[in-house]
Amino acid sequence: MATILTTIALIALFASLALLVKKIALPSLCPICLGVSLTWLTLSTLILAGLLPTSYFILPVAILLGGTAVGIVYQGEKKFKAMRSFALKLTMLLAGFILAYLFLENMSWLALVLAIAVLTPLAYFFFLRSPQMVIPRSKTESIQELEKKMEECC
């Protein structure tokens, strides 16, 4: 019971802190997503440091990793039209689960660093950067495209 209470307390703490940051500086930040991610990162760090028993905390880490994979796919679907394809969503989700499994199966400091290195740019593009900034399109291009369509139309 202490395991789940610790996990829930960490999620609530990190999500609350993220909510404060969101209000101050990052309006596109998802506090729950950040709370879940920071919780599994923290639990993994504490396991690797020998401060938490792996046998008790590996299951919450696995569940939270799965939540992170689903959250990334969901956020991608919301932000990018290309991500609305069922095949792409399924591929990304399965890749996320495979990476989560590999992380858990090979949990080490190196695996943790690699997970952070992979997730940091994903978090930036999927959660912080606006879709307009990801695929910039000038007004001139839009106007030219509309003019071309009108010429072809009539």
N, C-alpha and C. Protein backbone atom coordinates (compact mmCIF):
# COMPACT_ATOMS: atom_id res chain seq x y z
N MET A 1 0.82 -1.20 0.00
CA MET A 1 0.00 0.00 0.00
C MET A 1 0.87 1.26 0.00
N ALA A 2 2.01 1.19 0.66
CA ALA A 2 2.90 2.36 0.69
C ALA A 2 3.42 2.68 -0.70
N THR A 3 3.57 1.67 -1.53
CA THR A 3 4.09 1.87 -2.88
C THR A 3 3.14 2.76 -3.69
N ILE A 4 1.88 2.42 -3.69
CA ILE A 4 0.91 3.18 -4.49
C ILE A 4 0.69 4.57 -3.89
N LEU A 5 0.71 4.67 -2.57
CA LEU A 5 0.55 5.97 -1.93
C LEU A 5 1.73 6.89 -2.25
N THR A 6 2.92 6.33 -2.25
CA THR A 6 4.11 7.11 -2.62
C THR A 6 4.01 7.58 -4.06
N THR A 7 3.60 6.68 -4.93
CA THR A 7 3.47 7.01 -6.35
C THR A 7 2.42 8.10 -6.56
N ILE A 8 1.27 7.95 -5.95
CA ILE A 8 0.20 8.93 -6.09
C ILE A 8 0.62 10.28 -5.52
N ALA A 9 1.30 10.26 -4.39
CA ALA A 9 1.76 11.52 -3.78
C ALA A 9 2.74 12.24 -4.70
N LEU A 10 3.64 11.48 -5.33
CA LEU A 10 4.60 12.10 -6.25
C LEU A 10 3.90 12.68 -7.48
N ILE A 11 2.95 11.94 -8.03
CA ILE A 11 2.21 12.45 -9.20
C ILE A 11 1.50 13.75 -8.82
N ALA A 12 0.82 13.75 -7.69
CA ALA A 12 0.09 14.95 -7.25
C ALA A 12 1.04 16.12 -7.01
N LEU A 13 2.18 15.86 -6.40
CA LEU A 13 3.16 16.91 -6.14
C LEU A 13 3.69 17.50 -7.44
N PHE A 14 4.17 16.62 -8.33
CA PHE A 14 4.76 17.11 -9.59
C PHE A 14 3.71 17.78 -10.48
N ALA A 15 2.51 17.24 -10.53
CA ALA A 15 1.45 17.84 -11.36
C ALA A 15 1.06 19.21 -10.80
N SER A 16 1.02 19.34 -9.48
CA SER A 16 0.70 20.64 -8.87
C SER A 16 1.78 21.67 -9.16
N LEU A 17 3.04 21.26 -9.05
CA LEU A 17 4.14 22.16 -9.38
C LEU A 17 4.10 22.56 -10.86
N ALA A 18 3.79 21.59 -11.72
CA ALA A 18 3.70 21.87 -13.15
C ALA A 18 2.54 22.83 -13.45
N LEU A 19 1.47 22.72 -12.69
CA LEU A 19 0.34 23.63 -12.87
C LEU A 19 0.75 25.07 -12.55
N LEU A 20 1.57 25.23 -11.52
CA LEU A 20 2.07 26.57 -11.20
C LEU A 20 2.96 27.11 -12.31
N VAL A 21 3.83 26.26 -12.83
CA VAL A 21 4.72 26.68 -13.93
C VAL A 21 3.89 27.03 -15.15
N LYS A 22 2.86 26.24 -15.41
CA LYS A 22 1.98 26.48 -16.56
C LYS A 22 1.34 27.86 -16.46
N LYS A 23 0.86 28.20 -15.31
CA LYS A 23 0.20 29.51 -15.12
C LYS A 23 1.18 30.66 -15.28
N ILE A 24 2.42 30.45 -14.87
CA ILE A 24 3.42 31.52 -14.90
C ILE A 24 4.08 31.64 -16.27
N ALA A 25 4.49 30.52 -16.85
CA ALA A 25 5.37 30.63 -18.01
C ALA A 25 5.02 29.78 -19.22
N LEU A 26 4.44 28.63 -19.04
CA LEU A 26 4.26 27.70 -20.16
C LEU A 26 2.80 27.27 -20.30
N PRO A 27 1.99 28.07 -20.97
CA PRO A 27 0.56 27.75 -21.04
C PRO A 27 0.23 26.45 -21.78
N SER A 28 1.11 25.97 -22.66
CA SER A 28 0.80 24.74 -23.40
C SER A 28 1.23 23.48 -22.65
N LEU A 29 1.82 23.64 -21.49
CA LEU A 29 2.30 22.51 -20.69
C LEU A 29 1.12 21.71 -20.14
N CYS A 30 1.22 20.39 -20.19
CA CYS A 30 0.20 19.52 -19.60
C CYS A 30 0.70 19.10 -18.21
N PRO A 31 0.12 19.64 -17.14
CA PRO A 31 0.61 19.33 -15.79
C PRO A 31 0.52 17.85 -15.43
N ILE A 32 -0.52 17.18 -15.88
CA ILE A 32 -0.67 15.77 -15.55
C ILE A 32 0.41 14.95 -16.28
N CYS A 33 0.63 15.27 -17.55
CA CYS A 33 1.67 14.56 -18.31
C CYS A 33 3.03 14.74 -17.66
N LEU A 34 3.33 15.97 -17.27
CA LEU A 34 4.61 16.24 -16.63
C LEU A 34 4.68 15.54 -15.27
N GLY A 35 3.58 15.55 -14.52
CA GLY A 35 3.55 14.88 -13.23
C GLY A 35 3.82 13.39 -13.34
N VAL A 36 3.20 12.76 -14.33
CA VAL A 36 3.41 11.32 -14.55
C VAL A 36 4.85 11.04 -14.96
N SER A 37 5.36 11.82 -15.91
CA SER A 37 6.73 11.60 -16.40
C SER A 37 7.76 11.83 -15.31
N LEU A 38 7.61 12.92 -14.58
CA LEU A 38 8.57 13.18 -13.50
C LEU A 38 8.50 12.12 -12.40
N THR A 39 7.32 11.56 -12.20
CA THR A 39 7.18 10.52 -11.18
C THR A 39 7.94 9.26 -11.58
N TRP A 40 7.76 8.78 -12.82
CA TRP A 40 8.50 7.56 -13.18
C TRP A 40 9.99 7.83 -13.27
N LEU A 41 10.38 9.04 -13.69
CA LEU A 41 11.80 9.38 -13.70
C LEU A 41 12.38 9.40 -12.28
N THR A 42 11.63 9.96 -11.36
CA THR A 42 12.07 10.02 -9.96
C THR A 42 12.14 8.62 -9.35
N LEU A 43 11.08 7.83 -9.55
CA LEU A 43 11.08 6.47 -9.01
C LEU A 43 12.22 5.65 -9.60
N SER A 44 12.45 5.79 -10.90
CA SER A 44 13.55 5.07 -11.55
C SER A 44 14.90 5.48 -10.96
N THR A 45 15.07 6.77 -10.76
CA THR A 45 16.31 7.28 -10.17
C THR A 45 16.52 6.73 -8.76
N LEU A 46 15.46 6.72 -7.98
CA LEU A 46 15.56 6.22 -6.60
C LEU A 46 15.82 4.71 -6.57
N ILE A 47 15.24 3.98 -7.53
CA ILE A 47 15.51 2.54 -7.63
C ILE A 47 16.98 2.32 -7.97
N LEU A 48 17.47 3.05 -8.98
CA LEU A 48 18.87 2.89 -9.40
C LEU A 48 19.85 3.29 -8.31
N ALA A 49 19.45 4.27 -7.50
CA ALA A 49 20.31 4.71 -6.40
C ALA A 49 20.24 3.76 -5.20
N GLY A 50 19.37 2.75 -5.29
CA GLY A 50 19.25 1.79 -4.20
C GLY A 50 18.40 2.28 -3.04
N LEU A 51 17.65 3.36 -3.24
CA LEU A 51 16.84 3.93 -2.17
C LEU A 51 15.41 3.37 -2.14
N LEU A 52 15.00 2.74 -3.23
CA LEU A 52 13.69 2.09 -3.29
C LEU A 52 13.87 0.67 -3.79
N PRO A 53 13.10 -0.26 -3.25
CA PRO A 53 13.22 -1.65 -3.72
C PRO A 53 12.58 -1.82 -5.10
N THR A 54 13.33 -2.39 -6.01
CA THR A 54 12.84 -2.61 -7.38
C THR A 54 11.57 -3.44 -7.37
N SER A 55 11.53 -4.47 -6.56
CA SER A 55 10.39 -5.39 -6.56
C SER A 55 9.06 -4.68 -6.25
N TYR A 56 9.09 -3.62 -5.46
CA TYR A 56 7.86 -2.90 -5.12
C TYR A 56 7.53 -1.80 -6.13
N PHE A 57 8.53 -1.18 -6.68
CA PHE A 57 8.29 0.02 -7.47
C PHE A 57 8.39 -0.16 -8.99
N ILE A 58 8.75 -1.35 -9.45
CA ILE A 58 8.87 -1.55 -10.89
C ILE A 58 7.50 -1.52 -11.57
N LEU A 59 6.48 -2.02 -10.90
CA LEU A 59 5.13 -2.02 -11.49
C LEU A 59 4.59 -0.59 -11.66
N PRO A 60 4.66 0.27 -10.64
CA PRO A 60 4.22 1.65 -10.87
C PRO A 60 5.02 2.35 -11.97
N VAL A 61 6.32 2.10 -12.04
CA VAL A 61 7.14 2.70 -13.10
C VAL A 61 6.64 2.22 -14.46
N ALA A 62 6.34 0.93 -14.58
CA ALA A 62 5.85 0.37 -15.84
C ALA A 62 4.51 1.00 -16.24
N ILE A 63 3.62 1.12 -15.29
CA ILE A 63 2.31 1.72 -15.57
C ILE A 63 2.47 3.16 -16.03
N LEU A 64 3.31 3.91 -15.33
CA LEU A 64 3.51 5.32 -15.67
C LEU A 64 4.22 5.49 -17.02
N LEU A 65 5.14 4.59 -17.33
CA LEU A 65 5.79 4.62 -18.64
C LEU A 65 4.76 4.41 -19.75
N GLY A 66 3.84 3.48 -19.54
CA GLY A 66 2.77 3.25 -20.51
C GLY A 66 1.90 4.49 -20.66
N GLY A 67 1.63 5.16 -19.54
CA GLY A 67 0.87 6.41 -19.59
C GLY A 67 1.58 7.49 -20.38
N THR A 68 2.89 7.53 -20.25
CA THR A 68 3.69 8.50 -21.00
C THR A 68 3.61 8.20 -22.49
N ALA A 69 3.69 6.94 -22.87
CA ALA A 69 3.60 6.56 -24.28
C ALA A 69 2.24 6.96 -24.86
N VAL A 70 1.18 6.67 -24.13
CA VAL A 70 -0.17 7.02 -24.59
C VAL A 70 -0.32 8.54 -24.66
N GLY A 71 0.21 9.25 -23.67
CA GLY A 71 0.12 10.72 -23.65
C GLY A 71 0.82 11.36 -24.84
N ILE A 72 1.96 10.82 -25.22
CA ILE A 72 2.70 11.36 -26.36
C ILE A 72 1.90 11.17 -27.64
N VAL A 73 1.32 9.99 -27.81
CA VAL A 73 0.51 9.74 -29.01
C VAL A 73 -0.73 10.64 -29.02
N TYR A 74 -1.38 10.77 -27.89
CA TYR A 74 -2.57 11.62 -27.80
C TYR A 74 -2.23 13.07 -28.12
N GLN A 75 -1.15 13.56 -27.56
CA GLN A 75 -0.74 14.94 -27.80
C GLN A 75 -0.35 15.14 -29.26
N GLY A 76 0.32 14.16 -29.84
CA GLY A 76 0.68 14.24 -31.25
C GLY A 76 -0.54 14.31 -32.13
N GLU A 77 -1.56 13.54 -31.79
CA GLU A 77 -2.81 13.55 -32.54
C GLU A 77 -3.49 14.92 -32.47
N LYS A 78 -3.43 15.54 -31.31
CA LYS A 78 -4.04 16.86 -31.14
C LYS A 78 -3.30 17.94 -31.92
N LYS A 79 -1.98 17.84 -31.99
CA LYS A 79 -1.17 18.92 -32.56
C LYS A 79 -0.87 18.80 -34.04
N PHE A 80 -0.77 17.58 -34.54
CA PHE A 80 -0.29 17.40 -35.91
C PHE A 80 -1.30 16.58 -36.71
N LYS A 81 -1.73 17.11 -37.85
CA LYS A 81 -2.70 16.41 -38.70
C LYS A 81 -2.19 15.05 -39.14
N ALA A 82 -0.91 14.96 -39.44
CA ALA A 82 -0.33 13.69 -39.90
C ALA A 82 -0.49 12.59 -38.85
N MET A 83 -0.56 12.98 -37.59
CA MET A 83 -0.65 12.01 -36.51
C MET A 83 -2.08 11.50 -36.31
N ARG A 84 -3.00 11.92 -37.16
CA ARG A 84 -4.38 11.44 -37.03
C ARG A 84 -4.58 10.11 -37.74
N SER A 85 -3.57 9.66 -38.43
CA SER A 85 -3.62 8.37 -39.13
C SER A 85 -3.56 7.24 -38.10
N PHE A 86 -4.49 6.31 -38.21
CA PHE A 86 -4.53 5.19 -37.28
C PHE A 86 -3.21 4.41 -37.30
N ALA A 87 -2.70 4.17 -38.49
CA ALA A 87 -1.45 3.40 -38.61
C ALA A 87 -0.29 4.10 -37.92
N LEU A 88 -0.19 5.41 -38.08
CA LEU A 88 0.90 6.15 -37.44
C LEU A 88 0.75 6.18 -35.93
N LYS A 89 -0.49 6.39 -35.46
CA LYS A 89 -0.72 6.39 -34.01
C LYS A 89 -0.38 5.02 -33.42
N LEU A 90 -0.83 3.97 -34.07
CA LEU A 90 -0.57 2.63 -33.57
C LEU A 90 0.94 2.33 -33.59
N THR A 91 1.61 2.72 -34.65
CA THR A 91 3.05 2.51 -34.76
C THR A 91 3.79 3.24 -33.64
N MET A 92 3.42 4.51 -33.42
CA MET A 92 4.07 5.28 -32.35
C MET A 92 3.79 4.68 -30.98
N LEU A 93 2.55 4.25 -30.76
CA LEU A 93 2.20 3.67 -29.47
C LEU A 93 2.98 2.37 -29.23
N LEU A 94 3.02 1.52 -30.24
CA LEU A 94 3.76 0.26 -30.09
C LEU A 94 5.25 0.52 -29.89
N ALA A 95 5.79 1.51 -30.60
CA ALA A 95 7.20 1.87 -30.41
C ALA A 95 7.43 2.36 -28.99
N GLY A 96 6.50 3.16 -28.47
CA GLY A 96 6.61 3.64 -27.10
C GLY A 96 6.58 2.50 -26.09
N PHE A 97 5.70 1.52 -26.31
CA PHE A 97 5.64 0.38 -25.40
C PHE A 97 6.90 -0.47 -25.48
N ILE A 98 7.43 -0.64 -26.69
CA ILE A 98 8.67 -1.40 -26.85
C ILE A 98 9.82 -0.69 -26.13
N LEU A 99 9.90 0.63 -26.30
CA LEU A 99 10.96 1.39 -25.62
C LEU A 99 10.80 1.33 -24.11
N ALA A 100 9.55 1.40 -23.63
CA ALA A 100 9.30 1.30 -22.19
C ALA A 100 9.74 -0.08 -21.67
N TYR A 101 9.40 -1.11 -22.42
CA TYR A 101 9.80 -2.47 -22.03
C TYR A 101 11.32 -2.60 -21.99
N LEU A 102 11.98 -2.09 -23.04
CA LEU A 102 13.44 -2.16 -23.08
C LEU A 102 14.07 -1.39 -21.92
N PHE A 103 13.49 -0.24 -21.59
CA PHE A 103 13.99 0.52 -20.44
C PHE A 103 13.88 -0.29 -19.16
N LEU A 104 12.70 -0.88 -18.94
CA LEU A 104 12.48 -1.64 -17.71
C LEU A 104 13.34 -2.90 -17.66
N GLU A 105 13.49 -3.54 -18.79
CA GLU A 105 14.27 -4.78 -18.87
C GLU A 105 15.76 -4.52 -18.67
N ASN A 106 16.21 -3.34 -19.04
CA ASN A 106 17.64 -2.99 -18.96
C ASN A 106 17.87 -1.76 -18.08
N MET A 107 17.07 -1.62 -17.03
CA MET A 107 17.15 -0.41 -16.21
C MET A 107 18.56 -0.22 -15.67
N SER A 108 19.13 0.92 -16.05
CA SER A 108 20.47 1.28 -15.61
C SER A 108 20.57 2.80 -15.73
N TRP A 109 21.67 3.34 -15.24
CA TRP A 109 21.86 4.78 -15.37
C TRP A 109 21.92 5.18 -16.85
N LEU A 110 22.57 4.37 -17.64
CA LEU A 110 22.67 4.66 -19.08
C LEU A 110 21.29 4.64 -19.72
N ALA A 111 20.48 3.65 -19.38
CA ALA A 111 19.12 3.57 -19.94
C ALA A 111 18.30 4.78 -19.52
N LEU A 112 18.47 5.24 -18.29
CA LEU A 112 17.75 6.42 -17.82
C LEU A 112 18.18 7.67 -18.59
N VAL A 113 19.47 7.82 -18.79
CA VAL A 113 19.98 8.97 -19.55
C VAL A 113 19.46 8.92 -20.98
N LEU A 114 19.46 7.73 -21.59
CA LEU A 114 18.94 7.58 -22.95
C LEU A 114 17.45 7.90 -23.02
N ALA A 115 16.70 7.47 -22.01
CA ALA A 115 15.26 7.76 -21.97
C ALA A 115 15.03 9.27 -21.91
N ILE A 116 15.80 9.94 -21.09
CA ILE A 116 15.68 11.40 -20.98
C ILE A 116 16.07 12.06 -22.30
N ALA A 117 17.13 11.54 -22.93
CA ALA A 117 17.59 12.11 -24.20
C ALA A 117 16.54 11.92 -25.31
N VAL A 118 15.80 10.85 -25.27
CA VAL A 118 14.76 10.60 -26.28
C VAL A 118 13.51 11.42 -25.96
N LEU A 119 13.14 11.46 -24.70
CA LEU A 119 11.87 12.10 -24.33
C LEU A 119 11.93 13.63 -24.30
N THR A 120 13.09 14.20 -24.05
CA THR A 120 13.18 15.66 -23.99
C THR A 120 12.79 16.34 -25.30
N PRO A 121 13.36 15.93 -26.44
CA PRO A 121 12.91 16.56 -27.69
C PRO A 121 11.45 16.24 -28.03
N LEU A 122 11.01 15.03 -27.70
CA LEU A 122 9.60 14.69 -27.94
C LEU A 122 8.68 15.60 -27.12
N ALA A 123 9.03 15.79 -25.86
CA ALA A 123 8.23 16.66 -25.01
C ALA A 123 8.21 18.08 -25.55
N TYR A 124 9.33 18.54 -26.03
CA TYR A 124 9.39 19.90 -26.59
C TYR A 124 8.46 20.02 -27.80
N PHE A 125 8.59 19.12 -28.76
CA PHE A 125 7.79 19.22 -29.99
C PHE A 125 6.32 18.92 -29.77
N PHE A 126 6.00 17.97 -28.90
CA PHE A 126 4.62 17.55 -28.74
C PHE A 126 3.86 18.35 -27.68
N PHE A 127 4.58 18.92 -26.72
CA PHE A 127 3.89 19.57 -25.61
C PHE A 127 4.14 21.08 -25.53
N LEU A 128 5.29 21.55 -25.94
CA LEU A 128 5.61 22.96 -25.73
C LEU A 128 5.53 23.80 -27.01
N ARG A 129 6.06 23.29 -28.08
CA ARG A 129 6.11 24.06 -29.33
C ARG A 129 4.75 24.03 -30.01
N SER A 130 4.32 25.18 -30.51
CA SER A 130 3.02 25.22 -31.18
C SER A 130 3.14 24.61 -32.56
N PRO A 131 2.05 24.02 -33.08
CA PRO A 131 2.13 23.39 -34.39
C PRO A 131 2.46 24.38 -35.50
N GLN A 132 2.08 25.64 -35.34
CA GLN A 132 2.40 26.64 -36.35
C GLN A 132 3.91 26.82 -36.44
N MET A 133 4.61 26.68 -35.33
CA MET A 133 6.05 26.85 -35.34
C MET A 133 6.75 25.61 -35.90
N VAL A 134 6.12 24.47 -35.77
CA VAL A 134 6.73 23.24 -36.23
C VAL A 134 6.77 23.20 -37.76
N ILE A 135 5.65 23.57 -38.38
CA ILE A 135 5.57 23.59 -39.84
C ILE A 135 5.16 25.01 -40.25
N PRO A 136 6.13 25.92 -40.33
CA PRO A 136 5.78 27.30 -40.63
C PRO A 136 5.26 27.43 -42.06
N ARG A 137 4.34 28.32 -42.21
CA ARG A 137 3.77 28.57 -43.51
C ARG A 137 3.52 30.06 -43.63
N SER A 138 4.13 30.67 -44.60
CA SER A 138 3.98 32.11 -44.74
C SER A 138 2.62 32.44 -45.36
N LYS A 139 2.17 33.66 -45.13
CA LYS A 139 0.90 34.09 -45.71
C LYS A 139 1.00 34.13 -47.23
N THR A 140 2.17 34.46 -47.73
CA THR A 140 2.37 34.51 -49.18
C THR A 140 2.13 33.14 -49.80
N GLU A 141 2.65 32.09 -49.16
CA GLU A 141 2.45 30.74 -49.67
C GLU A 141 0.96 30.39 -49.69
N SER A 142 0.25 30.74 -48.64
CA SER A 142 -1.17 30.45 -48.56
C SER A 142 -1.94 31.19 -49.64
N ILE A 143 -1.59 32.45 -49.86
CA ILE A 143 -2.28 33.25 -50.88
C ILE A 143 -1.99 32.68 -52.26
N GLN A 144 -0.75 32.34 -52.51
CA GLN A 144 -0.39 31.77 -53.81
C GLN A 144 -1.12 30.45 -54.04
N GLU A 145 -1.24 29.64 -53.02
CA GLU A 145 -1.93 28.37 -53.15
C GLU A 145 -3.41 28.60 -53.47
N LEU A 146 -4.03 29.57 -52.81
CA LEU A 146 -5.43 29.89 -53.07
C LEU A 146 -5.62 30.43 -54.49
N GLU A 147 -4.70 31.30 -54.92
CA GLU A 147 -4.78 31.84 -56.28
C GLU A 147 -4.67 30.73 -57.31
N LYS A 148 -3.78 29.78 -57.08
CA LYS A 148 -3.60 28.67 -58.00
C LYS A 148 -4.87 27.82 -58.08
N LYS A 149 -5.48 27.56 -56.93
CA LYS A 149 -6.71 26.80 -56.91
C LYS A 149 -7.84 27.51 -57.65
N MET A 150 -7.87 28.85 -57.49
CA MET A 150 -8.92 29.61 -58.18
C MET A 150 -8.72 29.57 -59.69
N GLU A 151 -7.46 29.63 -60.13
CA GLU A 151 -7.17 29.55 -61.57
C GLU A 151 -7.57 28.21 -62.14
N GLU A 152 -7.32 27.16 -61.39
CA GLU A 152 -7.66 25.81 -61.85
C GLU A 152 -9.16 25.57 -61.81
N CYS A 153 -9.82 26.30 -60.97
CA CYS A 153 -11.25 26.09 -60.76
C CYS A 153 -12.08 26.56 -61.97
N CYS A 154 -11.79 27.70 -62.47
CA CYS A 154 -12.68 28.31 -63.49
C CYS A 154 -12.12 28.25 -64.88
